[in-house]
Amino acid sequence: MIYDLIIVGAGPAGLICGIEASNKGLSYLILEKGLLVNSLYNFPTNMTFFSTSKKLEVAGVPFISHTEKPTRKEALEYYRRLTDHYDLNIQYKKSVKTINKENEVFIFATEKGETYQAKAVVLALGFYDTPRSLDVPGKHLTKVRHYYNDAHSYIGMNILVVGGGNSACDVALETWNHGANVTMAVRDKELYQGVKYWILPNIINRIKEGSIPTYYNSTVKEIKETEVILNTPEGEVTIANDYVLAMIGYKPDYTLLAQLGVEYKQNENLVPTFDPATLETNVKNVFVAGVLNGGLKTNSLFIENTRDHGKKIVSALNEKIKP
């Protein structure tokens, strides 16, 4: 079977593209290398969204939450209901390794050797699967972690939280509240001022009172089994350490885009080239959707301001395919 479009990624953007395709009568398939909304599933267990539930809901399906700002658990439930409501055509654990084009048809090959065909491609890849690396000696030690689940395993441990954004501040506070000995290393002169408004004053007060020692304008020099060496304005500092939680962000995986010949804007953010009206890239019938469209500037796009991507893509594609 040759689908009208195949969507790579079953995150919010990919689901919306599937819903729009279904509404327009286009044949489609969503290929997801992990689980439904895989990135959200891997968010911290107790995470609360910055956006309100009203700003996150799509396709006429209400997003019900106990408070104005939903939790991770409520978000997972919402996307399950959304998927069931529209009976979306999704195949999970299908990691796409190559996409080639032959006679105007795109051929998808998975890591397990399965192949699929489509007239068009939608890349809704997100970025959460590719963490930024500390790139220092010791970065491959098992104690170095780029994802955080909950605080229980860190009780009584010496924790270094690297970063000064939302994730770093959330993790530092939660592990400290549960009995970890927390230190922060922030490469800038202060914490990111866009940290959630209910978190920022709390973490600043913990730092000021000395509960969470924090080194500003500082970076990690080396990670060892039982300690970490920091470069600080006062020189090298060695601290006892059991875990390094590197909350320094993530970046898109450009492998599939490169295979297809999708160009990037030549600046530090590597934003894919696409038509803002249709989200079609420089490659015919290849579209990009969701937070991927922000390139390396991963804080520029969120679920709430990419909700129209599916409609733009499917409207443009429908005009090409239906005639």
C-alpha atoms as a PDB file:
ATOM      1  CA  MET A   1       0.000   0.000   0.000  1.00  0.00           C
ATOM      2  CA  ILE A   2       1.136   3.529  -0.794  1.00  0.00           C
ATOM      3  CA  TYR A   3      -0.163   5.951   1.828  1.00  0.00           C
ATOM      4  CA  ASP A   4      -0.933   9.563   1.036  1.00  0.00           C
ATOM      5  CA  LEU A   5       1.385  10.507   3.888  1.00  0.00           C
ATOM      6  CA  ILE A   6       3.479   8.893   6.569  1.00  0.00           C
ATOM      7  CA  ILE A   7       4.080  10.852   9.764  1.00  0.00           C
ATOM      8  CA  VAL A   8       7.250  10.119  11.727  1.00  0.00           C
ATOM      9  CA  GLY A   9       6.584  10.728  15.419  1.00  0.00           C
ATOM     10  CA  ALA A  10       3.527  10.200  17.627  1.00  0.00           C
ATOM     11  CA  GLY A  11       4.008  13.269  19.772  1.00  0.00           C
ATOM     12  CA  PRO A  12       1.351  15.997  19.932  1.00  0.00           C
ATOM     13  CA  ALA A  13       2.326  17.431  16.515  1.00  0.00           C
ATOM     14  CA  GLY A  14       2.268  14.020  14.844  1.00  0.00           C
ATOM     15  CA  LEU A  15      -1.109  13.161  16.368  1.00  0.00           C
ATOM     16  CA  ILE A  16      -2.608  16.428  15.147  1.00  0.00           C
ATOM     17  CA  CYS A  17      -1.313  15.745  11.632  1.00  0.00           C
ATOM     18  CA  GLY A  18      -2.951  12.314  11.769  1.00  0.00           C
ATOM     19  CA  ILE A  19      -6.255  13.795  12.926  1.00  0.00           C
ATOM     20  CA  GLU A  20      -6.253  16.379  10.133  1.00  0.00           C
ATOM     21  CA  ALA A  21      -5.382  13.730   7.544  1.00  0.00           C
ATOM     22  CA  SER A  22      -8.247  11.574   8.777  1.00  0.00           C
ATOM     23  CA  ASN A  23     -10.637  14.515   8.627  1.00  0.00           C
ATOM     24  CA  LYS A  24      -9.648  15.165   4.996  1.00  0.00           C
ATOM     25  CA  GLY A  25      -9.977  11.539   3.987  1.00  0.00           C
ATOM     26  CA  LEU A  26      -6.267  11.042   3.315  1.00  0.00           C
ATOM     27  CA  SER A  27      -4.683   7.675   3.968  1.00  0.00           C
ATOM     28  CA  TYR A  28      -1.939   7.993   6.567  1.00  0.00           C
ATOM     29  CA  LEU A  29       0.259   6.094   8.976  1.00  0.00           C
ATOM     30  CA  ILE A  30       2.087   7.353  12.050  1.00  0.00           C
ATOM     31  CA  LEU A  31       5.379   5.583  12.795  1.00  0.00           C
ATOM     32  CA  GLU A  32       6.638   6.019  16.357  1.00  0.00           C
ATOM     33  CA  LYS A  33       9.969   4.642  17.533  1.00  0.00           C
ATOM     34  CA  GLY A  34       8.843   4.511  21.160  1.00  0.00           C
ATOM     35  CA  LEU A  35       5.548   5.019  22.963  1.00  0.00           C
ATOM     36  CA  LEU A  36       2.596   7.319  22.481  1.00  0.00           C
ATOM     37  CA  VAL A  37       3.822  10.884  23.206  1.00  0.00           C
ATOM     38  CA  ASN A  38       7.132   9.305  24.109  1.00  0.00           C
ATOM     39  CA  SER A  39       8.789  12.558  25.200  1.00  0.00           C
ATOM     40  CA  LEU A  40       5.969  13.426  27.590  1.00  0.00           C
ATOM     41  CA  TYR A  41       6.105   9.932  29.031  1.00  0.00           C
ATOM     42  CA  ASN A  42       9.772  10.507  29.898  1.00  0.00           C
ATOM     43  CA  PHE A  43       9.111  13.839  31.620  1.00  0.00           C
ATOM     44  CA  PRO A  44       9.577  13.895  35.426  1.00  0.00           C
ATOM     45  CA  THR A  45       6.795  12.023  37.200  1.00  0.00           C
ATOM     46  CA  ASN A  46       5.614  15.071  39.154  1.00  0.00           C
ATOM     47  CA  MET A  47       6.033  17.668  36.400  1.00  0.00           C
ATOM     48  CA  THR A  48       3.472  20.444  35.956  1.00  0.00           C
ATOM     49  CA  PHE A  49       3.102  22.124  32.565  1.00  0.00           C
ATOM     50  CA  PHE A  50       3.717  25.838  32.156  1.00  0.00           C
ATOM     51  CA  SER A  51       0.796  26.081  29.694  1.00  0.00           C
ATOM     52  CA  THR A  52      -2.839  25.836  30.729  1.00  0.00           C
ATOM     53  CA  SER A  53      -4.913  22.837  29.707  1.00  0.00           C
ATOM     54  CA  LYS A  54      -7.069  25.118  27.534  1.00  0.00           C
ATOM     55  CA  LYS A  55      -4.037  26.112  25.464  1.00  0.00           C
ATOM     56  CA  LEU A  56      -3.029  22.490  24.979  1.00  0.00           C
ATOM     57  CA  GLU A  57      -6.304  20.962  23.860  1.00  0.00           C
ATOM     58  CA  VAL A  58      -6.864  20.228  20.161  1.00  0.00           C
ATOM     59  CA  ALA A  59      -9.364  18.819  17.679  1.00  0.00           C
ATOM     60  CA  GLY A  60     -12.432  19.559  19.774  1.00  0.00           C
ATOM     61  CA  VAL A  61     -11.459  17.163  22.556  1.00  0.00           C
ATOM     62  CA  PRO A  62     -11.509  18.913  25.979  1.00  0.00           C
ATOM     63  CA  PHE A  63      -8.372  18.715  28.103  1.00  0.00           C
ATOM     64  CA  ILE A  64      -9.605  18.116  31.644  1.00  0.00           C
ATOM     65  CA  SER A  65      -7.252  18.864  34.540  1.00  0.00           C
ATOM     66  CA  HIS A  66      -7.758  19.378  38.255  1.00  0.00           C
ATOM     67  CA  THR A  67      -6.024  22.755  38.183  1.00  0.00           C
ATOM     68  CA  GLU A  68      -5.443  25.357  35.471  1.00  0.00           C
ATOM     69  CA  LYS A  69      -2.014  23.897  34.664  1.00  0.00           C
ATOM     70  CA  PRO A  70      -2.093  20.152  33.980  1.00  0.00           C
ATOM     71  CA  THR A  71       0.319  17.539  35.224  1.00  0.00           C
ATOM     72  CA  ARG A  72       2.266  14.967  33.232  1.00  0.00           C
ATOM     73  CA  LYS A  73      -0.224  12.271  34.289  1.00  0.00           C
ATOM     74  CA  GLU A  74      -3.170  14.336  33.058  1.00  0.00           C
ATOM     75  CA  ALA A  75      -1.407  15.061  29.764  1.00  0.00           C
ATOM     76  CA  LEU A  76      -0.741  11.372  29.137  1.00  0.00           C
ATOM     77  CA  GLU A  77      -4.401  10.607  29.812  1.00  0.00           C
ATOM     78  CA  TYR A  78      -5.475  13.387  27.427  1.00  0.00           C
ATOM     79  CA  TYR A  79      -3.395  12.110  24.518  1.00  0.00           C
ATOM     80  CA  ARG A  80      -4.623   8.565  25.137  1.00  0.00           C
ATOM     81  CA  ARG A  81      -8.203   9.796  24.904  1.00  0.00           C
ATOM     82  CA  LEU A  82      -7.383  11.860  21.816  1.00  0.00           C
ATOM     83  CA  THR A  83      -5.836   8.832  20.098  1.00  0.00           C
ATOM     84  CA  ASP A  84      -8.778   6.598  20.985  1.00  0.00           C
ATOM     85  CA  HIS A  85     -11.371   9.190  19.971  1.00  0.00           C
ATOM     86  CA  TYR A  86      -9.969   9.479  16.452  1.00  0.00           C
ATOM     87  CA  ASP A  87      -8.842   5.841  16.227  1.00  0.00           C
ATOM     88  CA  LEU A  88      -5.490   7.016  14.911  1.00  0.00           C
ATOM     89  CA  ASN A  89      -3.451   4.678  12.726  1.00  0.00           C
ATOM     90  CA  ILE A  90      -0.225   4.380  14.732  1.00  0.00           C
ATOM     91  CA  GLN A  91       2.444   1.712  14.803  1.00  0.00           C
ATOM     92  CA  TYR A  92       4.704   1.811  17.854  1.00  0.00           C
ATOM     93  CA  LYS A  93       8.295   0.625  18.277  1.00  0.00           C
ATOM     94  CA  LYS A  94       8.936   1.432  14.608  1.00  0.00           C
ATOM     95  CA  SER A  95      12.192   3.345  14.459  1.00  0.00           C
ATOM     96  CA  VAL A  96      12.659   4.771  10.955  1.00  0.00           C
ATOM     97  CA  LYS A  97      16.280   4.460   9.874  1.00  0.00           C
ATOM     98  CA  THR A  98      16.146   5.526   6.231  1.00  0.00           C
ATOM     99  CA  ILE A  99      13.808   7.365   3.896  1.00  0.00           C
ATOM    100  CA  ASN A 100      14.537   7.193   0.171  1.00  0.00           C
ATOM    101  CA  LYS A 101      12.606   8.525  -2.806  1.00  0.00           C
ATOM    102  CA  GLU A 102      11.931   6.461  -5.910  1.00  0.00           C
ATOM    103  CA  ASN A 103       9.644   7.630  -8.731  1.00  0.00           C
ATOM    104  CA  GLU A 104       7.935  10.255  -6.541  1.00  0.00           C
ATOM    105  CA  VAL A 105       7.280   7.695  -3.797  1.00  0.00           C
ATOM    106  CA  PHE A 106       9.011   7.777  -0.419  1.00  0.00           C
ATOM    107  CA  ILE A 107      10.198   4.432   0.931  1.00  0.00           C
ATOM    108  CA  PHE A 108      10.604   4.132   4.697  1.00  0.00           C
ATOM    109  CA  ALA A 109      12.788   1.421   6.226  1.00  0.00           C
ATOM    110  CA  THR A 110      12.762   0.637   9.946  1.00  0.00           C
ATOM    111  CA  GLU A 111      15.563  -0.751  12.066  1.00  0.00           C
ATOM    112  CA  LYS A 112      13.747  -4.126  12.010  1.00  0.00           C
ATOM    113  CA  GLY A 113      13.726  -4.235   8.205  1.00  0.00           C
ATOM    114  CA  GLU A 114      10.076  -3.330   7.597  1.00  0.00           C
ATOM    115  CA  THR A 115       9.291  -1.032   4.678  1.00  0.00           C
ATOM    116  CA  TYR A 116       6.443   1.409   4.067  1.00  0.00           C
ATOM    117  CA  GLN A 117       5.592   3.704   1.163  1.00  0.00           C
ATOM    118  CA  ALA A 118       3.959   7.124   0.941  1.00  0.00           C
ATOM    119  CA  LYS A 119       3.470  10.054  -1.416  1.00  0.00           C
ATOM    120  CA  ALA A 120       4.464  12.548   1.284  1.00  0.00           C
ATOM    121  CA  VAL A 121       6.486  12.736   4.487  1.00  0.00           C
ATOM    122  CA  VAL A 122       5.768  14.615   7.700  1.00  0.00           C
ATOM    123  CA  LEU A 123       8.666  14.769  10.140  1.00  0.00           C
ATOM    124  CA  ALA A 124       7.344  15.482  13.638  1.00  0.00           C
ATOM    125  CA  LEU A 125      10.471  14.324  15.425  1.00  0.00           C
ATOM    126  CA  GLY A 126      10.715  16.607  18.437  1.00  0.00           C
ATOM    127  CA  PHE A 127      14.091  16.845  20.157  1.00  0.00           C
ATOM    128  CA  TYR A 128      13.810  15.198  23.579  1.00  0.00           C
ATOM    129  CA  ASP A 129      15.539  11.977  22.490  1.00  0.00           C
ATOM    130  CA  THR A 130      18.904  13.661  21.863  1.00  0.00           C
ATOM    131  CA  PRO A 131      20.363  15.291  24.999  1.00  0.00           C
ATOM    132  CA  ARG A 132      23.148  17.834  24.757  1.00  0.00           C
ATOM    133  CA  SER A 133      26.419  16.380  25.970  1.00  0.00           C
ATOM    134  CA  LEU A 134      28.651  17.833  28.679  1.00  0.00           C
ATOM    135  CA  ASP A 135      31.611  16.776  26.515  1.00  0.00           C
ATOM    136  CA  VAL A 136      34.080  16.433  29.407  1.00  0.00           C
ATOM    137  CA  PRO A 137      36.143  13.524  30.762  1.00  0.00           C
ATOM    138  CA  GLY A 138      33.846  11.154  32.620  1.00  0.00           C
ATOM    139  CA  LYS A 139      30.712  12.090  30.685  1.00  0.00           C
ATOM    140  CA  HIS A 140      30.019   8.411  29.911  1.00  0.00           C
ATOM    141  CA  LEU A 141      29.974   7.270  33.540  1.00  0.00           C
ATOM    142  CA  THR A 142      26.676   5.657  34.545  1.00  0.00           C
ATOM    143  CA  LYS A 143      26.232   8.273  37.274  1.00  0.00           C
ATOM    144  CA  VAL A 144      25.775  10.975  34.605  1.00  0.00           C
ATOM    145  CA  ARG A 145      22.113  11.323  33.681  1.00  0.00           C
ATOM    146  CA  HIS A 146      20.305  13.548  31.200  1.00  0.00           C
ATOM    147  CA  TYR A 147      16.801  12.493  32.199  1.00  0.00           C
ATOM    148  CA  TYR A 148      15.103  12.737  35.557  1.00  0.00           C
ATOM    149  CA  ASN A 149      12.195  10.652  36.785  1.00  0.00           C
ATOM    150  CA  ASP A 150      11.638  11.187  40.503  1.00  0.00           C
ATOM    151  CA  ALA A 151      13.587  11.989  43.665  1.00  0.00           C
ATOM    152  CA  HIS A 152      13.446   8.708  45.540  1.00  0.00           C
ATOM    153  CA  SER A 153      16.682   7.203  44.206  1.00  0.00           C
ATOM    154  CA  TYR A 154      18.633  10.348  45.158  1.00  0.00           C
ATOM    155  CA  ILE A 155      17.726  10.475  48.871  1.00  0.00           C
ATOM    156  CA  GLY A 156      20.889  11.034  50.916  1.00  0.00           C
ATOM    157  CA  MET A 157      23.065  11.319  47.791  1.00  0.00           C
ATOM    158  CA  ASN A 158      25.456  14.074  46.723  1.00  0.00           C
ATOM    159  CA  ILE A 159      23.870  15.496  43.578  1.00  0.00           C
ATOM    160  CA  LEU A 160      25.286  17.998  41.106  1.00  0.00           C
ATOM    161  CA  VAL A 161      22.601  19.591  38.952  1.00  0.00           C
ATOM    162  CA  VAL A 162      24.087  21.193  35.844  1.00  0.00           C
ATOM    163  CA  GLY A 163      22.028  23.965  34.232  1.00  0.00           C
ATOM    164  CA  GLY A 164      19.990  26.995  35.189  1.00  0.00           C
ATOM    165  CA  GLY A 165      16.716  26.570  33.306  1.00  0.00           C
ATOM    166  CA  ASN A 166      13.324  25.110  34.134  1.00  0.00           C
ATOM    167  CA  SER A 167      14.422  21.481  34.258  1.00  0.00           C
ATOM    168  CA  ALA A 168      17.499  22.179  36.371  1.00  0.00           C
ATOM    169  CA  CYS A 169      15.589  24.264  38.900  1.00  0.00           C
ATOM    170  CA  ASP A 170      12.760  21.724  39.113  1.00  0.00           C
ATOM    171  CA  VAL A 171      15.189  18.872  39.675  1.00  0.00           C
ATOM    172  CA  ALA A 172      17.302  20.755  42.203  1.00  0.00           C
ATOM    173  CA  LEU A 173      14.296  21.688  44.323  1.00  0.00           C
ATOM    174  CA  GLU A 174      12.595  18.301  44.193  1.00  0.00           C
ATOM    175  CA  THR A 175      15.717  16.292  45.047  1.00  0.00           C
ATOM    176  CA  TRP A 176      16.631  18.737  47.839  1.00  0.00           C
ATOM    177  CA  ASN A 177      13.098  18.532  49.257  1.00  0.00           C
ATOM    178  CA  HIS A 178      13.460  14.746  49.379  1.00  0.00           C
ATOM    179  CA  GLY A 179      16.739  14.719  51.255  1.00  0.00           C
ATOM    180  CA  ALA A 180      19.466  14.913  48.624  1.00  0.00           C
ATOM    181  CA  ASN A 181      22.582  17.060  49.110  1.00  0.00           C
ATOM    182  CA  VAL A 182      22.246  19.289  46.078  1.00  0.00           C
ATOM    183  CA  THR A 183      24.779  21.571  44.400  1.00  0.00           C
ATOM    184  CA  MET A 184      24.139  23.517  41.188  1.00  0.00           C
ATOM    185  CA  ALA A 185      26.572  24.545  38.443  1.00  0.00           C
ATOM    186  CA  VAL A 186      25.238  27.346  36.230  1.00  0.00           C
ATOM    187  CA  ARG A 187      27.306  28.565  33.300  1.00  0.00           C
ATOM    188  CA  ASP A 188      25.634  32.005  33.276  1.00  0.00           C
ATOM    189  CA  LYS A 189      25.776  34.734  35.893  1.00  0.00           C
ATOM    190  CA  GLU A 190      22.225  33.946  37.068  1.00  0.00           C
ATOM    191  CA  LEU A 191      19.399  31.478  36.645  1.00  0.00           C
ATOM    192  CA  TYR A 192      17.263  31.719  33.513  1.00  0.00           C
ATOM    193  CA  GLN A 193      14.673  34.375  34.314  1.00  0.00           C
ATOM    194  CA  GLY A 194      11.989  32.552  32.350  1.00  0.00           C
ATOM    195  CA  VAL A 195      11.864  29.717  34.896  1.00  0.00           C
ATOM    196  CA  LYS A 196       8.277  28.928  35.970  1.00  0.00           C
ATOM    197  CA  TYR A 197       7.071  31.755  38.175  1.00  0.00           C
ATOM    198  CA  TRP A 198       6.150  29.433  41.048  1.00  0.00           C
ATOM    199  CA  ILE A 199       9.622  27.830  40.955  1.00  0.00           C
ATOM    200  CA  LEU A 200      12.022  30.748  40.472  1.00  0.00           C
ATOM    201  CA  PRO A 201      11.540  32.571  43.828  1.00  0.00           C
ATOM    202  CA  ASN A 202      11.729  29.258  45.699  1.00  0.00           C
ATOM    203  CA  ILE A 203      15.017  28.148  44.164  1.00  0.00           C
ATOM    204  CA  ILE A 204      16.543  31.629  44.559  1.00  0.00           C
ATOM    205  CA  ASN A 205      15.668  31.624  48.262  1.00  0.00           C
ATOM    206  CA  ARG A 206      17.174  28.147  48.742  1.00  0.00           C
ATOM    207  CA  ILE A 207      20.370  29.354  47.088  1.00  0.00           C
ATOM    208  CA  LYS A 208      20.541  32.559  49.136  1.00  0.00           C
ATOM    209  CA  GLU A 209      20.104  30.732  52.417  1.00  0.00           C
ATOM    210  CA  GLY A 210      22.840  28.256  51.473  1.00  0.00           C
ATOM    211  CA  SER A 211      20.631  25.185  51.319  1.00  0.00           C
ATOM    212  CA  ILE A 212      21.577  24.599  47.684  1.00  0.00           C
ATOM    213  CA  PRO A 213      25.195  25.741  47.076  1.00  0.00           C
ATOM    214  CA  THR A 214      25.389  27.216  43.576  1.00  0.00           C
ATOM    215  CA  TYR A 215      28.363  28.098  41.396  1.00  0.00           C
ATOM    216  CA  TYR A 216      27.553  30.736  38.759  1.00  0.00           C
ATOM    217  CA  ASN A 217      29.681  31.394  35.659  1.00  0.00           C
ATOM    218  CA  SER A 218      30.886  27.837  36.186  1.00  0.00           C
ATOM    219  CA  THR A 219      31.271  24.681  34.118  1.00  0.00           C
ATOM    220  CA  VAL A 220      32.130  21.031  34.696  1.00  0.00           C
ATOM    221  CA  LYS A 221      35.785  20.221  34.021  1.00  0.00           C
ATOM    222  CA  GLU A 222      35.848  16.516  34.863  1.00  0.00           C
ATOM    223  CA  ILE A 223      33.562  13.858  36.320  1.00  0.00           C
ATOM    224  CA  LYS A 224      35.044  11.094  38.493  1.00  0.00           C
ATOM    225  CA  GLU A 225      33.505   8.141  40.283  1.00  0.00           C
ATOM    226  CA  THR A 226      33.145   9.895  43.652  1.00  0.00           C
ATOM    227  CA  GLU A 227      33.703  13.578  42.848  1.00  0.00           C
ATOM    228  CA  VAL A 228      33.327  16.315  40.266  1.00  0.00           C
ATOM    229  CA  ILE A 229      35.768  19.092  39.362  1.00  0.00           C
ATOM    230  CA  LEU A 230      34.255  22.464  38.467  1.00  0.00           C
ATOM    231  CA  ASN A 231      35.787  25.463  36.738  1.00  0.00           C
ATOM    232  CA  THR A 232      34.602  28.513  38.687  1.00  0.00           C
ATOM    233  CA  PRO A 233      35.571  32.209  38.694  1.00  0.00           C
ATOM    234  CA  GLU A 234      37.587  31.448  41.849  1.00  0.00           C
ATOM    235  CA  GLY A 235      39.415  28.543  40.213  1.00  0.00           C
ATOM    236  CA  GLU A 236      38.923  24.785  40.300  1.00  0.00           C
ATOM    237  CA  VAL A 237      36.583  23.371  42.929  1.00  0.00           C
ATOM    238  CA  THR A 238      36.278  19.664  43.734  1.00  0.00           C
ATOM    239  CA  ILE A 239      33.079  18.432  45.351  1.00  0.00           C
ATOM    240  CA  ALA A 240      31.957  14.997  46.546  1.00  0.00           C
ATOM    241  CA  ASN A 241      29.493  13.486  44.137  1.00  0.00           C
ATOM    242  CA  ASP A 242      27.278  10.444  43.593  1.00  0.00           C
ATOM    243  CA  TYR A 243      25.242  11.636  40.590  1.00  0.00           C
ATOM    244  CA  VAL A 244      25.500  14.329  37.933  1.00  0.00           C
ATOM    245  CA  LEU A 245      22.103  15.380  36.574  1.00  0.00           C
ATOM    246  CA  ALA A 246      22.895  17.254  33.361  1.00  0.00           C
ATOM    247  CA  MET A 247      19.762  19.312  32.747  1.00  0.00           C
ATOM    248  CA  ILE A 248      21.332  21.278  29.882  1.00  0.00           C
ATOM    249  CA  GLY A 249      18.755  20.708  27.192  1.00  0.00           C
ATOM    250  CA  TYR A 250      18.210  18.638  24.088  1.00  0.00           C
ATOM    251  CA  LYS A 251      18.550  19.010  20.323  1.00  0.00           C
ATOM    252  CA  PRO A 252      16.837  17.622  17.216  1.00  0.00           C
ATOM    253  CA  ASP A 253      18.212  14.600  15.392  1.00  0.00           C
ATOM    254  CA  TYR A 254      18.899  15.790  11.836  1.00  0.00           C
ATOM    255  CA  THR A 255      19.638  12.333  10.385  1.00  0.00           C
ATOM    256  CA  LEU A 256      16.385  11.865   8.454  1.00  0.00           C
ATOM    257  CA  LEU A 257      16.293  15.479   7.317  1.00  0.00           C
ATOM    258  CA  ALA A 258      19.805  15.130   5.930  1.00  0.00           C
ATOM    259  CA  GLN A 259      18.890  11.906   4.121  1.00  0.00           C
ATOM    260  CA  LEU A 260      16.015  13.686   2.402  1.00  0.00           C
ATOM    261  CA  GLY A 261      18.085  16.741   1.493  1.00  0.00           C
ATOM    262  CA  VAL A 262      16.228  19.182   3.744  1.00  0.00           C
ATOM    263  CA  GLU A 263      18.262  22.361   4.030  1.00  0.00           C
ATOM    264  CA  TYR A 264      18.877  24.355   7.222  1.00  0.00           C
ATOM    265  CA  LYS A 265      19.128  28.067   7.708  1.00  0.00           C
ATOM    266  CA  GLN A 266      22.809  28.850   8.005  1.00  0.00           C
ATOM    267  CA  ASN A 267      22.905  30.220  11.522  1.00  0.00           C
ATOM    268  CA  GLU A 268      23.579  28.881  14.985  1.00  0.00           C
ATOM    269  CA  ASN A 269      20.017  27.548  15.361  1.00  0.00           C
ATOM    270  CA  LEU A 270      19.966  25.263  12.280  1.00  0.00           C
ATOM    271  CA  VAL A 271      16.268  25.892  11.636  1.00  0.00           C
ATOM    272  CA  PRO A 272      14.969  23.683   8.789  1.00  0.00           C
ATOM    273  CA  THR A 273      14.020  25.552   5.633  1.00  0.00           C
ATOM    274  CA  PHE A 274      10.247  25.511   5.133  1.00  0.00           C
ATOM    275  CA  ASP A 275       7.384  27.601   3.779  1.00  0.00           C
ATOM    276  CA  PRO A 276       5.651  29.202   6.796  1.00  0.00           C
ATOM    277  CA  ALA A 277       2.256  28.899   5.104  1.00  0.00           C
ATOM    278  CA  THR A 278       2.450  25.174   4.335  1.00  0.00           C
ATOM    279  CA  LEU A 279       5.461  23.918   6.354  1.00  0.00           C
ATOM    280  CA  GLU A 280       6.749  22.208   3.200  1.00  0.00           C
ATOM    281  CA  THR A 281      10.538  22.092   3.098  1.00  0.00           C
ATOM    282  CA  ASN A 282      12.788  22.722   0.121  1.00  0.00           C
ATOM    283  CA  VAL A 283      12.153  19.064  -0.794  1.00  0.00           C
ATOM    284  CA  LYS A 284       8.836  18.506  -2.557  1.00  0.00           C
ATOM    285  CA  ASN A 285       6.221  16.764  -0.366  1.00  0.00           C
ATOM    286  CA  VAL A 286       8.449  16.719   2.703  1.00  0.00           C
ATOM    287  CA  PHE A 287       6.963  18.655   5.610  1.00  0.00           C
ATOM    288  CA  VAL A 288       8.149  19.464   9.137  1.00  0.00           C
ATOM    289  CA  ALA A 289       5.909  19.893  12.170  1.00  0.00           C
ATOM    290  CA  GLY A 290       6.059  20.686  15.857  1.00  0.00           C
ATOM    291  CA  VAL A 291       9.005  21.815  17.924  1.00  0.00           C
ATOM    292  CA  LEU A 292      11.432  20.470  15.299  1.00  0.00           C
ATOM    293  CA  ASN A 293      10.708  23.648  13.339  1.00  0.00           C
ATOM    294  CA  GLY A 294      12.616  25.703  15.918  1.00  0.00           C
ATOM    295  CA  GLY A 295      15.874  23.878  15.211  1.00  0.00           C
ATOM    296  CA  LEU A 296      18.399  24.181  18.005  1.00  0.00           C
ATOM    297  CA  LYS A 297      16.396  27.014  19.555  1.00  0.00           C
ATOM    298  CA  THR A 298      14.330  24.504  21.467  1.00  0.00           C
ATOM    299  CA  ASN A 299      12.600  27.035  23.708  1.00  0.00           C
ATOM    300  CA  SER A 300      11.011  28.879  20.773  1.00  0.00           C
ATOM    301  CA  LEU A 301       8.178  26.434  20.045  1.00  0.00           C
ATOM    302  CA  PHE A 302       5.866  24.520  22.362  1.00  0.00           C
ATOM    303  CA  ILE A 303       2.775  22.350  22.026  1.00  0.00           C
ATOM    304  CA  GLU A 304       0.471  25.339  22.326  1.00  0.00           C
ATOM    305  CA  ASN A 305       1.969  27.341  19.450  1.00  0.00           C
ATOM    306  CA  THR A 306       2.312  24.415  17.037  1.00  0.00           C
ATOM    307  CA  ARG A 307      -1.295  23.248  17.212  1.00  0.00           C
ATOM    308  CA  ASP A 308      -2.003  24.660  13.733  1.00  0.00           C
ATOM    309  CA  HIS A 309       0.825  22.777  12.027  1.00  0.00           C
ATOM    310  CA  GLY A 310      -1.289  19.763  11.146  1.00  0.00           C
ATOM    311  CA  LYS A 311      -3.972  21.874   9.499  1.00  0.00           C
ATOM    312  CA  LYS A 312      -1.403  23.808   7.443  1.00  0.00           C
ATOM    313  CA  ILE A 313       0.327  20.658   6.227  1.00  0.00           C
ATOM    314  CA  VAL A 314      -2.755  18.613   5.413  1.00  0.00           C
ATOM    315  CA  SER A 315      -4.512  21.528   3.696  1.00  0.00           C
ATOM    316  CA  ALA A 316      -1.518  22.020   1.411  1.00  0.00           C
ATOM    317  CA  LEU A 317      -1.112  18.313   0.780  1.00  0.00           C
ATOM    318  CA  ASN A 318      -4.805  17.783   0.151  1.00  0.00           C
ATOM    319  CA  GLU A 319      -4.707  20.309  -2.690  1.00  0.00           C
ATOM    320  CA  LYS A 320      -1.848  18.361  -4.281  1.00  0.00           C
ATOM    321  CA  ILE A 321      -3.221  14.853  -3.851  1.00  0.00           C
ATOM    322  CA  LYS A 322      -6.975  15.155  -4.313  1.00  0.00           C
ATOM    323  CA  PRO A 323      -6.953  16.595  -7.865  1.00  0.00           C
END
